[in-house]
Protein backbone atom coordinates (compact mmCIF):
# COMPACT_ATOMS: atom_id res chain seq x y z
CA MET A 1 -32.22 9.24 9.12
CA SER A 2 -32.51 7.55 12.51
CA ALA A 3 -34.00 9.87 15.08
CA ALA A 4 -33.40 9.51 18.79
CA PRO A 5 -36.39 8.29 20.77
CA ASN A 6 -38.05 10.76 23.10
CA VAL A 7 -37.14 9.18 26.44
CA PRO A 8 -38.48 10.84 29.62
CA GLN A 9 -35.59 12.17 31.67
CA PRO A 10 -35.14 10.60 35.12
CA ALA A 11 -34.75 12.83 38.15
CA ALA A 12 -30.98 12.38 38.10
CA LEU A 13 -30.79 14.37 34.88
CA GLU A 14 -33.21 17.17 35.66
CA GLY A 15 -32.02 20.71 36.26
CA ASP A 16 -28.70 21.44 34.59
CA GLY A 17 -28.68 18.14 32.75
CA LEU A 18 -25.18 17.46 34.02
CA GLY A 19 -26.05 15.04 36.79
CA CYS A 20 -22.55 13.70 37.48
CA HIS A 21 -23.03 14.63 41.12
CA SER A 22 -26.07 12.36 41.45
CA GLY A 23 -24.09 9.32 42.55
CA ARG A 24 -23.48 5.88 41.08
CA ASP A 25 -26.78 4.25 42.06
CA THR A 26 -28.88 7.18 40.86
CA MET A 27 -27.05 7.37 37.53
CA LEU A 28 -27.35 3.61 37.09
CA ALA A 29 -31.10 3.76 37.68
CA ALA A 30 -31.39 6.66 35.25
CA ALA A 31 -29.53 4.76 32.52
CA GLN A 32 -31.72 1.69 33.01
CA ALA A 33 -34.85 3.81 32.79
CA ALA A 34 -33.51 5.42 29.61
CA GLY A 35 -33.12 2.12 27.77
CA LYS A 36 -29.54 1.08 28.60
CA SER A 37 -30.48 -1.96 30.69
CA GLU A 38 -29.17 -4.53 28.23
CA THR A 39 -25.78 -2.82 27.92
CA LEU A 40 -25.40 -2.37 31.66
CA GLN A 41 -26.44 -5.96 32.38
CA GLN A 42 -23.77 -7.20 29.98
CA TYR A 43 -21.18 -5.01 31.70
CA ALA A 44 -22.27 -6.37 35.09
CA ARG A 45 -21.68 -9.92 33.80
CA ASP A 46 -18.38 -9.09 32.12
CA TYR A 47 -16.93 -6.89 34.86
CA PRO A 48 -18.55 -8.01 38.13
CA LEU A 49 -18.15 -6.17 41.40
CA PRO A 50 -17.98 -8.00 44.75
CA GLU A 51 -21.25 -8.30 46.62
CA GLY A 52 -21.71 -6.69 50.00
CA ALA A 53 -18.33 -4.96 49.96
CA GLY A 54 -19.64 -1.68 51.33
CA PRO A 55 -18.73 1.83 50.19
CA HIS A 56 -15.46 0.72 48.57
CA ASP A 57 -16.84 -2.05 46.35
CA GLN A 58 -15.58 -0.28 43.23
CA PRO A 59 -11.81 0.17 42.89
CA GLN A 60 -10.51 3.72 42.66
CA SER A 61 -8.82 4.25 39.32
CA MET A 62 -8.85 7.07 36.81
CA CYS A 63 -12.01 7.65 34.77
CA PRO A 64 -12.79 4.29 33.11
CA ALA A 65 -13.42 5.93 29.75
CA PHE A 66 -9.71 6.68 29.52
CA GLY A 67 -9.11 3.01 28.73
CA SER A 68 -11.32 3.07 25.63
CA LEU A 69 -9.97 6.48 24.62
CA ARG A 70 -6.40 5.17 24.90
CA VAL A 71 -7.15 2.17 22.68
CA GLY A 72 -8.62 4.36 19.95
CA LEU A 73 -5.87 6.98 20.12
CA ARG A 74 -3.14 4.35 19.70
CA MET A 75 -4.65 2.98 16.47
CA ARG A 76 -3.67 4.21 13.03
CA ARG A 77 -6.44 5.73 10.90
CA THR A 78 -8.90 5.77 13.80
CA HIS A 79 -10.69 8.90 15.01
CA THR A 80 -12.30 9.12 18.46
CA ILE A 81 -15.23 11.34 19.43
CA LEU A 82 -16.30 11.86 23.04
CA SER A 83 -19.81 12.68 24.17
CA GLY A 84 -19.98 13.83 27.75
CA SER A 85 -19.81 16.71 30.19
CA ALA A 86 -17.20 19.32 29.29
CA CYS A 87 -15.27 18.82 32.54
CA CYS A 88 -14.99 15.08 31.88
CA VAL A 89 -13.84 15.60 28.30
CA TYR A 90 -11.24 18.12 29.45
CA GLY A 91 -9.86 15.70 32.01
CA LEU A 92 -9.77 12.78 29.57
CA THR A 93 -8.07 14.71 26.79
CA PHE A 94 -5.55 16.17 29.23
CA THR A 95 -4.71 12.68 30.51
CA SER A 96 -4.50 11.23 27.01
CA HIS A 97 -2.00 13.86 25.89
CA PHE A 98 -0.08 13.42 29.14
CA TYR A 99 0.31 9.77 28.15
CA GLY A 100 1.62 10.68 24.71
CA ALA A 101 -1.38 11.00 22.41
CA ARG A 102 -0.44 13.00 19.33
CA ARG A 103 -3.80 13.50 17.71
CA SER A 104 -6.97 15.43 18.32
CA VAL A 105 -10.00 14.09 20.15
CA GLY A 106 -13.44 14.96 18.81
CA TYR A 107 -16.05 16.38 21.18
CA VAL A 108 -19.79 16.86 20.78
CA PRO A 109 -20.95 19.35 23.45
CA PHE A 110 -24.49 19.47 24.82
CA ASN A 111 -26.73 21.36 27.19
CA SER A 112 -29.94 20.54 29.05
CA GLU A 113 -32.10 21.24 26.01
CA SER A 114 -30.13 19.16 23.49
CA LEU A 115 -29.85 16.31 26.00
CA VAL A 116 -33.55 16.22 26.88
CA THR A 117 -34.92 16.72 23.36
CA GLY A 118 -32.69 14.15 21.67
CA LYS A 119 -30.83 16.82 19.69
CA LEU A 120 -27.55 15.53 21.14
CA PHE A 121 -27.89 12.29 19.19
CA GLU A 122 -28.49 14.24 15.99
CA ASP A 123 -25.41 16.36 16.74
CA ILE A 124 -23.35 13.21 17.22
CA ARG A 125 -24.69 11.76 14.00
CA GLU A 126 -23.81 14.92 12.11
CA ALA A 127 -20.29 14.91 13.59
CA VAL A 128 -19.76 11.29 12.57
CA PHE A 129 -20.77 11.99 8.97
CA LYS A 130 -18.37 14.93 8.84
CA GLN A 131 -15.47 12.85 10.15
CA ALA A 132 -16.08 9.66 8.13
CA ASP A 133 -13.47 10.34 5.45
CA PRO A 134 -12.10 7.08 3.98
CA ALA A 135 -8.97 8.89 2.83
CA GLN A 136 -8.09 9.52 6.49
CA TYR A 137 -9.81 6.90 8.58
CA ASP A 138 -10.67 3.21 8.69
CA SER A 139 -12.93 3.73 11.68
CA VAL A 140 -14.58 6.37 13.85
CA VAL A 141 -15.18 5.57 17.52
CA VAL A 142 -17.87 7.41 19.50
CA ILE A 143 -17.78 7.08 23.30
CA ASN A 144 -20.70 8.01 25.53
CA LEU A 145 -19.55 9.14 28.97
CA CYS A 146 -21.70 9.05 32.12
CA VAL A 147 -24.38 11.66 31.44
CA PRO A 148 -25.19 10.72 27.81
CA THR A 149 -25.31 7.05 28.85
CA ALA A 150 -27.62 7.84 31.77
CA SER A 151 -29.75 9.89 29.39
CA GLY A 152 -30.03 6.97 26.96
CA VAL A 153 -28.30 8.57 23.95
CA PRO A 154 -28.66 5.65 21.50
CA LEU A 155 -25.30 5.26 19.77
CA GLN A 156 -26.49 1.87 18.51
CA LEU A 157 -28.69 3.77 16.04
CA LEU A 158 -25.67 5.30 14.30
CA PRO A 159 -24.90 3.86 10.85
CA LYS A 160 -22.52 0.90 11.00
CA GLU A 161 -20.57 2.26 8.06
CA ILE A 162 -20.30 5.58 6.22
CA ASN A 163 -18.38 5.85 2.95
CA GLY A 164 -16.46 2.71 3.84
CA VAL A 165 -15.52 4.00 7.31
CA ARG A 166 -16.59 1.76 10.18
CA ILE A 167 -18.60 3.42 12.97
CA ILE A 168 -18.19 2.02 16.49
CA GLY A 169 -20.44 3.46 19.21
CA ILE A 170 -19.92 2.39 22.83
CA ASP A 171 -21.11 3.41 26.28
CA VAL A 172 -18.34 3.67 28.89
CA PRO A 173 -19.90 5.15 32.04
CA GLY A 174 -18.03 5.23 35.31
CA PHE A 175 -21.08 3.70 36.98
CA GLY A 176 -21.09 0.68 34.64
CA VAL A 177 -17.44 -0.09 33.85
CA PRO A 178 -15.38 -0.44 37.06
CA THR A 179 -11.85 0.40 35.84
CA HIS A 180 -10.09 1.99 32.88
CA ALA A 181 -8.32 -1.34 32.29
CA GLU A 182 -11.66 -3.03 31.58
CA ALA A 183 -12.75 -0.13 29.38
CA LYS A 184 -9.94 -1.16 27.03
CA ASP A 185 -11.81 -4.44 26.65
CA VAL A 186 -15.09 -2.65 25.91
CA LEU A 187 -13.66 -1.10 22.75
CA ALA A 188 -11.37 -4.00 21.82
CA GLY A 189 -14.30 -6.39 22.09
CA ALA A 190 -16.55 -4.15 20.00
CA MET A 191 -13.89 -3.90 17.29
CA LEU A 192 -13.26 -7.65 17.29
CA LYS A 193 -16.99 -8.28 16.90
CA TYR A 194 -17.17 -5.93 13.93
CA ALA A 195 -14.02 -7.39 12.34
CA ARG A 196 -15.25 -10.95 12.88
CA GLY A 197 -18.42 -10.12 10.97
CA GLU A 198 -16.34 -8.72 8.11
CA ALA A 199 -14.09 -11.78 8.00
CA GLU A 200 -17.07 -14.12 7.97
CA ALA A 201 -18.61 -12.15 5.07
CA GLY A 202 -15.62 -12.46 2.72
CA PRO A 203 -11.95 -11.64 2.07
CA VAL A 204 -10.36 -8.98 4.25
CA THR A 205 -7.17 -6.90 4.14
CA ALA A 206 -3.92 -8.63 5.08
CA PRO A 207 -1.75 -7.20 7.91
CA ARG A 208 0.75 -4.54 6.98
CA THR A 209 3.60 -6.97 7.79
CA GLY A 210 2.06 -9.83 5.81
CA VAL A 211 0.64 -13.17 6.89
CA SER A 212 2.81 -15.46 9.03
CA ASP A 213 3.84 -18.79 7.51
CA LYS A 214 3.54 -20.35 10.99
CA PRO A 215 0.51 -20.83 13.25
CA THR A 216 0.26 -17.77 15.48
CA VAL A 217 -0.58 -17.07 19.10
CA THR A 218 -2.58 -13.87 19.56
CA LEU A 219 -1.51 -11.94 22.67
CA LEU A 220 -4.38 -10.43 24.63
CA GLY A 221 -3.53 -7.35 26.69
CA GLU A 222 -1.27 -4.32 26.42
CA MET A 223 2.34 -5.08 27.27
CA PHE A 224 5.86 -3.70 27.09
CA PRO A 225 6.95 -3.59 23.41
CA ALA A 226 9.81 -6.07 23.95
CA ASP A 227 7.52 -8.74 25.42
CA PRO A 228 5.92 -9.87 22.13
CA VAL A 229 9.44 -10.28 20.74
CA GLY A 230 10.45 -12.35 23.74
CA ILE A 231 7.32 -14.46 23.47
CA GLY A 232 8.05 -15.06 19.79
CA MET A 233 11.48 -16.38 20.76
CA LEU A 234 9.90 -18.77 23.27
CA LEU A 235 7.47 -20.10 20.64
CA GLU A 236 9.98 -20.52 17.80
CA PRO A 237 11.21 -24.03 18.78
CA MET A 238 7.57 -25.17 18.75
CA GLY A 239 7.02 -24.03 15.17
CA LEU A 240 4.75 -21.20 16.33
CA ALA A 241 4.93 -17.41 16.05
CA ALA A 242 3.66 -14.52 18.16
CA GLY A 243 0.63 -12.95 16.52
CA PRO A 244 -0.84 -9.47 16.96
CA VAL A 245 -1.30 -7.86 20.35
CA VAL A 246 -4.90 -6.96 21.17
CA PRO A 247 -5.76 -4.07 21.51
CA THR A 248 -4.22 -3.67 18.07
CA ARG A 249 -2.49 -0.68 16.51
CA GLU A 250 -4.40 -0.90 13.23
CA TRP A 251 -7.77 -2.19 12.10
CA ARG A 252 -6.38 -4.79 9.69
CA GLU A 253 -4.48 -6.43 12.57
CA LEU A 254 -7.84 -7.46 14.03
CA TYR A 255 -8.31 -9.96 11.20
CA ALA A 256 -4.87 -11.47 11.85
CA ALA A 257 -5.65 -11.62 15.58
CA LEU A 258 -8.79 -13.62 14.87
CA ASP A 259 -6.94 -15.88 12.42
CA CYS A 260 -4.77 -17.55 15.05
CA ALA A 261 -4.07 -21.01 16.44
CA THR A 262 -4.88 -19.94 20.00
CA VAL A 263 -5.18 -16.82 22.18
CA ALA A 264 -2.92 -16.11 25.15
CA ALA A 265 -4.85 -14.16 27.80
CA ILE A 266 -1.75 -12.35 29.09
CA HIS A 267 -4.03 -9.85 30.84
CA PRO A 268 -6.94 -11.89 32.19
CA PHE A 269 -9.75 -9.32 32.29
CA TYR A 270 -10.54 -9.01 28.55
CA THR A 271 -13.86 -10.81 28.90
CA ALA A 272 -15.66 -9.28 25.89
CA SER A 273 -12.63 -9.91 23.67
CA VAL A 274 -12.43 -13.53 24.84
CA ARG A 275 -16.09 -13.94 23.92
CA GLU A 276 -15.38 -12.82 20.35
CA PHE A 277 -12.39 -15.14 20.02
CA GLN A 278 -14.42 -18.05 21.33
CA ALA A 279 -17.20 -17.19 18.86
CA ALA A 280 -14.53 -17.45 16.15
CA GLY A 281 -13.64 -20.93 17.42
CA ARG A 282 -10.37 -20.01 19.13
CA SER A 283 -9.16 -21.52 22.42
CA ILE A 284 -7.92 -19.34 25.29
CA VAL A 285 -4.75 -20.04 27.29
CA ALA A 286 -4.48 -18.54 30.78
CA SER A 287 -1.52 -16.88 32.53
CA ALA A 288 1.75 -15.83 30.87
CA PRO A 289 5.39 -16.92 30.45
CA VAL A 290 6.80 -15.20 33.55
CA GLY A 291 9.64 -16.68 35.55
CA HIS A 292 10.68 -20.33 35.40
CA ASP A 293 7.47 -21.97 36.63
CA GLY A 294 5.17 -19.66 34.71
CA THR A 295 7.05 -20.13 31.46
CA GLU A 296 7.15 -23.92 31.80
CA ALA A 297 3.41 -24.18 32.47
CA TRP A 298 2.55 -21.67 29.75
CA LEU A 299 4.60 -23.40 27.05
CA GLN A 300 2.91 -26.68 27.94
CA ALA A 301 -0.56 -25.11 27.79
CA ILE A 302 0.16 -23.37 24.48
CA GLY A 303 1.52 -26.59 23.01
CA GLN A 304 -1.56 -28.54 24.03
CA ALA A 305 -3.91 -25.84 22.72
CA THR A 306 -2.17 -25.88 19.32
CA ASN A 307 -1.73 -29.68 19.10
CA THR A 308 2.04 -29.27 19.07
CA PRO A 309 3.99 -32.55 19.50
CA GLN A 310 5.35 -33.00 23.00
CA ALA A 311 8.87 -33.32 21.61
CA LEU A 312 8.71 -29.74 20.28
CA ILE A 313 7.25 -28.47 23.54
CA ASP A 314 10.11 -30.11 25.41
CA ALA A 315 12.58 -28.61 22.96
CA ALA A 316 11.30 -25.12 23.77
CA LYS A 317 11.48 -25.82 27.50
CA ASN A 318 14.99 -27.23 27.26
CA LYS A 319 16.17 -24.21 25.31
CA TRP A 320 14.71 -21.45 27.46
CA LEU A 321 14.07 -22.68 31.00
CA PRO A 322 17.77 -23.02 31.97
CA ALA A 323 18.40 -19.51 30.66
CA ILE A 324 15.50 -18.13 32.70
CA ARG A 325 16.66 -19.95 35.82
CA GLY A 326 20.14 -18.54 35.34
CA ALA A 327 18.86 -14.98 34.86
CA LEU A 328 16.81 -15.23 38.06
CA ALA A 329 19.81 -16.53 39.99
CA ARG A 330 22.08 -13.76 38.72
CA THR A 331 19.68 -10.99 39.76
CA PRO A 332 18.24 -11.91 43.16
CA ILE A 333 15.85 -9.68 45.07
CA ARG A 334 16.02 -9.70 48.86
CA GLY A 335 13.25 -8.10 50.83
CA ARG A 336 9.53 -7.99 51.52
CA VAL A 337 7.43 -6.38 48.78
CA THR A 338 3.70 -5.63 48.57
CA VAL A 339 2.21 -5.29 45.07
CA SER A 340 -0.91 -3.43 44.00
CA GLY A 341 -2.18 -1.74 40.85
CA TYR A 342 -4.91 -1.48 38.24
CA GLU A 343 -3.12 -2.65 35.07
CA GLY A 344 -4.11 -6.33 35.30
CA SER A 345 -0.57 -7.74 35.42
CA GLU A 346 -0.15 -7.49 39.20
CA LEU A 347 -0.28 -11.26 39.78
CA LEU A 348 2.35 -11.82 37.08
CA VAL A 349 4.67 -9.24 38.66
CA ALA A 350 4.24 -10.90 42.06
CA ARG A 351 5.18 -14.29 40.58
CA LEU A 352 8.33 -12.85 39.04
CA LEU A 353 9.31 -11.14 42.29
CA ILE A 354 8.89 -14.35 44.28
CA GLU A 355 10.95 -16.39 41.82
CA SER A 356 13.61 -13.71 42.11
CA GLY A 357 13.77 -14.31 45.86
CA ALA A 358 11.47 -11.63 47.25
CA GLU A 359 8.87 -12.20 49.94
CA VAL A 360 5.45 -11.03 48.69
CA PRO A 361 2.73 -11.25 51.35
CA TYR A 362 0.06 -9.26 49.50
CA VAL A 363 -1.08 -8.66 45.92
CA GLY A 364 -3.96 -6.31 45.19
CA THR A 365 -5.46 -5.81 41.75
CA ALA A 366 -8.35 -3.56 40.78
CA CYS A 367 -9.37 -6.11 38.15
CA PRO A 368 -11.85 -8.95 38.77
CA LYS A 369 -11.22 -12.63 39.31
CA THR A 370 -11.53 -14.54 36.02
CA PRO A 371 -10.72 -18.09 34.84
CA TRP A 372 -7.68 -16.75 32.98
CA SER A 373 -5.84 -15.70 36.14
CA ALA A 374 -6.59 -18.99 37.94
CA PRO A 375 -3.09 -20.51 37.43
CA ASP A 376 -1.47 -17.37 38.88
CA LEU A 377 -3.88 -17.30 41.82
CA GLU A 378 -3.24 -20.95 42.62
CA TRP A 379 0.55 -20.54 42.37
CA LEU A 380 0.58 -17.47 44.62
CA GLN A 381 -1.77 -18.89 47.23
CA ALA A 382 0.35 -22.03 47.45
CA ARG A 383 3.17 -19.73 48.60
CA GLY A 384 1.12 -17.98 51.25
CA VAL A 385 0.32 -14.82 49.29
CA HIS A 386 -2.95 -13.00 50.00
CA VAL A 387 -4.47 -12.07 46.63
CA GLN A 388 -7.13 -9.36 46.68
CA TYR A 389 -9.21 -8.97 43.52
CA ARG A 390 -11.14 -5.69 43.12
CA ALA A 391 -8.80 -4.21 45.71
CA SER A 392 -9.68 -0.76 46.96
CA LEU A 393 -7.20 1.94 47.88
CA GLU A 394 -8.07 1.39 51.53
CA GLN A 395 -7.21 -2.32 51.31
CA ASP A 396 -3.91 -1.64 49.54
CA ILE A 397 -2.84 0.93 52.12
CA ALA A 398 -3.95 -1.33 54.97
CA ALA A 399 -1.70 -4.07 53.56
CA VAL A 400 1.27 -1.70 53.54
CA ARG A 401 0.60 -0.76 57.15
CA GLU A 402 0.13 -4.36 58.26
CA PHE A 403 3.10 -5.97 56.51
CA ARG A 404 5.54 -3.01 56.73
CA PRO A 405 7.33 -4.08 53.53
CA ASP A 406 10.82 -3.09 52.47
CA LEU A 407 9.17 -1.83 49.27
CA ALA A 408 5.58 -1.01 48.32
CA ILE A 409 4.68 -1.20 44.62
CA GLY A 410 1.35 0.44 43.87
CA THR A 411 -0.73 3.28 42.52
CA THR A 412 0.11 6.93 43.17
CA PRO A 413 -1.81 7.28 46.47
CA VAL A 414 -0.39 3.97 47.76
CA VAL A 415 3.12 5.16 46.93
CA GLN A 416 2.43 8.47 48.68
CA ALA A 417 1.10 6.76 51.81
CA ALA A 418 4.08 4.40 51.92
CA LYS A 419 6.65 7.16 51.57
CA GLN A 420 4.95 9.17 54.30
CA ALA A 421 5.49 6.11 56.50
CA THR A 422 9.20 6.06 55.48
CA ILE A 423 8.69 2.96 53.32
CA PRO A 424 10.32 3.02 49.85
CA ALA A 425 7.72 2.77 47.09
CA LEU A 426 7.49 2.51 43.30
CA TYR A 427 4.64 3.52 41.00
CA PHE A 428 3.44 0.35 39.27
CA THR A 429 2.38 1.85 35.94
CA ASN A 430 5.45 3.91 35.12
CA LEU A 431 8.22 1.92 36.79
CA ILE A 432 7.07 -1.72 36.72
CA SER A 433 4.73 -2.06 33.71
CA ALA A 434 7.27 -0.17 31.60
CA ARG A 435 9.64 -3.15 31.68
CA PRO A 436 9.69 -6.56 30.00
CA LEU A 437 8.18 -9.30 32.14
CA MET A 438 8.11 -12.33 29.82
CA GLY A 439 10.70 -15.00 29.15
CA VAL A 440 14.44 -14.50 29.53
CA MET A 441 14.30 -10.71 29.16
CA GLY A 442 11.73 -10.43 31.91
CA ALA A 443 13.54 -12.73 34.34
CA GLY A 444 16.03 -10.11 35.47
CA SER A 445 14.23 -6.93 34.50
CA LEU A 446 12.87 -5.96 37.93
CA ALA A 447 15.91 -6.62 40.09
CA GLN A 448 17.82 -3.41 39.46
CA VAL A 449 14.97 -0.97 40.08
CA VAL A 450 13.54 -2.97 43.01
CA ASN A 451 16.87 -3.47 44.78
CA ALA A 452 17.78 0.20 44.28
CA ALA A 453 14.48 1.27 45.81
CA ILE A 454 14.85 -1.08 48.78
CA GLY A 455 18.33 0.33 49.33
CA ASN A 456 16.85 3.80 49.83
CA LYS A 457 15.22 2.88 53.15
CA ALA A 458 17.90 4.70 55.16
CA ARG A 459 17.37 7.89 53.16
CA PHE A 460 13.67 7.95 54.10
CA ALA A 461 14.55 7.58 57.78
CA GLN A 462 17.05 10.45 57.50
CA MET A 463 14.48 12.70 55.85
CA ARG A 464 11.89 11.90 58.52
CA ALA A 465 14.42 12.66 61.25
CA PHE A 466 15.39 15.94 59.58
CA PHE A 467 11.90 17.28 58.84
CA GLY A 468 10.18 15.87 61.92
CA GLU A 469 6.53 16.98 62.08
CA ALA A 470 7.01 19.90 59.69
CA GLY A 471 4.26 20.06 57.09
CA GLN A 472 1.80 18.08 59.20
CA GLY A 473 -1.14 19.21 61.28
CA ASP A 474 -0.62 22.75 62.60
CA GLN A 475 2.70 22.90 60.76
CA ALA A 476 1.11 22.57 57.31
CA GLY A 477 1.04 25.49 54.89
CA VAL A 478 3.29 28.49 54.38
CA TRP A 479 3.68 30.92 57.27
CA SER A 480 5.48 34.27 57.41
CA ASP A 481 5.66 33.99 61.23
CA LYS A 482 5.63 31.09 63.63
CA PRO A 483 1.97 30.12 64.19
CA VAL A 484 0.58 30.96 67.64
CA LEU A 485 -1.26 28.05 69.22
CA ARG A 486 -4.66 28.88 70.73
CA PRO A 487 -5.68 25.89 72.88
CA GLU A 488 -8.56 27.89 74.39
CA PHE A 489 -10.12 28.22 70.91
CA ARG A 490 -9.94 24.47 70.40
CA ALA A 491 -11.48 23.83 73.81
CA GLU A 492 -14.40 26.16 73.04
CA THR A 493 -14.95 24.60 69.62
CA GLN A 494 -14.94 21.13 71.15
CA ARG A 495 -17.46 22.23 73.77
CA GLN A 496 -19.78 23.59 71.07
CA VAL A 497 -19.52 20.37 69.04
CA ILE A 498 -20.34 18.21 72.07
CA LYS A 499 -23.32 20.44 72.86
CA MET A 500 -24.61 20.19 69.28
CA MET A 501 -24.30 16.40 69.25
CA LYS A 502 -26.22 16.10 72.51
CA ARG A 503 -28.99 18.32 71.14
CA ARG A 504 -29.28 16.21 67.95
CA LYS A 505 -29.42 13.02 69.96
CA ALA A 506 -32.16 14.44 72.15
CA GLU A 507 -34.15 15.48 69.07
CA GLU A 508 -33.88 11.95 67.65
CA MET A 509 -35.38 10.52 70.85
CA VAL A 510 -38.41 12.78 70.71
C-alpha cells in the first residue's frame, strides 16, 4: 500500500483546512511547497497566462474542473470521483447535471484532520478500489480540486490499474488551469498518454464501429455532432475518412484516435493532447474547414499532411467549394458583430460571420494563443479584426461599448451588459456552439439566428423607453410604497466619508 507523505501544511491551509479564500498566489505557493511544482510548471507551459496583465490576467469562466468532469461524464464505462471542498463539489455536480449528465459523481469528503494527516489520500485510495469494477467500468478518473492540490494529495501514487480498470488521477486547480476549456485537455491528454502506452505494449481493443478501411483524420476538440459528418463528406473525395473526436466517448476510441493519418486541431488549445499525438508520430493540422477560404486552406493542409495527390485534393475542392460559396451567398448577414467566448472556436465563428458578410471588429477568446490558431489569426487580422487571446470579461464588455455592434455574441455577463445597453446579444455556448460550423452545413447555419437577433434592435429600444430608469439605482428592488428620497442623508454620509479620508491621509503622512 502506498502511503501519502507527511507534508507540512503551508499557512494557506491552516485553520479550517478549506483555504479557498486564500487567493490564487497563496494557493499556488502552497501547492508548490506541497510537492506539486512539476505539475504546475507543466500547466504553466501548456496553458500560459499573459505577463503583466494586472488583476484580470486570468479569464473569468466557470470552475476549470468542470471541463475535466464533463469529459469523464460523457464517456461510456467511466466513473469520475471528485476530491475537493464540499461547496466546490456541489457546484460542479449541479452544473454537470444542468448540462445533461445522467450519472452519479463520486465524492471523497475531508476535514482539516484528514487533509493534514494524509488520511484523505487513503480515503481516496479506498474509494478507488471500491469503484474499480471491470464489469461496470473501463476507467476511474479521480480529480483533485484546489484544496487537495494545494495540500499535495499525491494522486500519482494511486495504482495505475485495479482489476483491469484503468486509474487516472489528475490535478485541476483553478489556480493552475486557467479555463474549463483547457481542463478538457488535461484529462484528454492524460487518457491519450495512458492509451498510447497500452497500444505500444501490444494489441488493443478495436472501436465499437470497427476499423476504417481508409486513412483517418482525428478531430481534436468538442464540436456539434453534425460537424464530424460534414468533415467526413469533405474528406471523401481525397480517399480519407473522419476519425474519432477527442475527447472521445469511449476508451477504445482513444486507440483509433492515435491510429490516424493526421490530427486536425479544430480547437487549438489542446496542448497536452497534441503532445501525445506528436509522441505517437502524428502530424497536426491547424484551423478548420469553415467558410470558403478556411475550407480551401484546410483541405490543402490535410492533403499535404497525408501525402494525398494534388489531383484528389483539387477534386475535393472542386466538389465542395462552389457549394459553400453558394450557401454563403444565399444566407448573407448584414451588420456589425462582436464575438467573445471561452469555448475555443471563437476565431472560427468570426471567420464564418465575415464570409457571410458581417463586419466583425473584435474577437475575444479566453483561450491562449497557440500555433494551431495561427491561420485564423492571420486571416482575421488581414481583415482588420482585433483578436484578443486570454480575453477578460472587462475587455469583452469594453469592446461592446466601443464598437456599439448590431449584435454582441458572448458569455452570459457580456450578453447581460449588451442587453442593458439596448444591444441585441446571443449566448455563445448555447446559441452559436450548438450549430454546425464546418463545410457546407456550417456555411449557412448562423444566418437565421444572427439576422433574427439583429432584427430585434427596435424591440430593445422600445423596452428601454417603456421602463426608463425603473429597476436601476434608487428604483431597484420591490417597494410597497414609492421610496422617499432623503438628500440630506446622502449629504451627511458624503461629509463623513470625506472627513474619514482626510484623517487617513493625515495619518499616512505622520
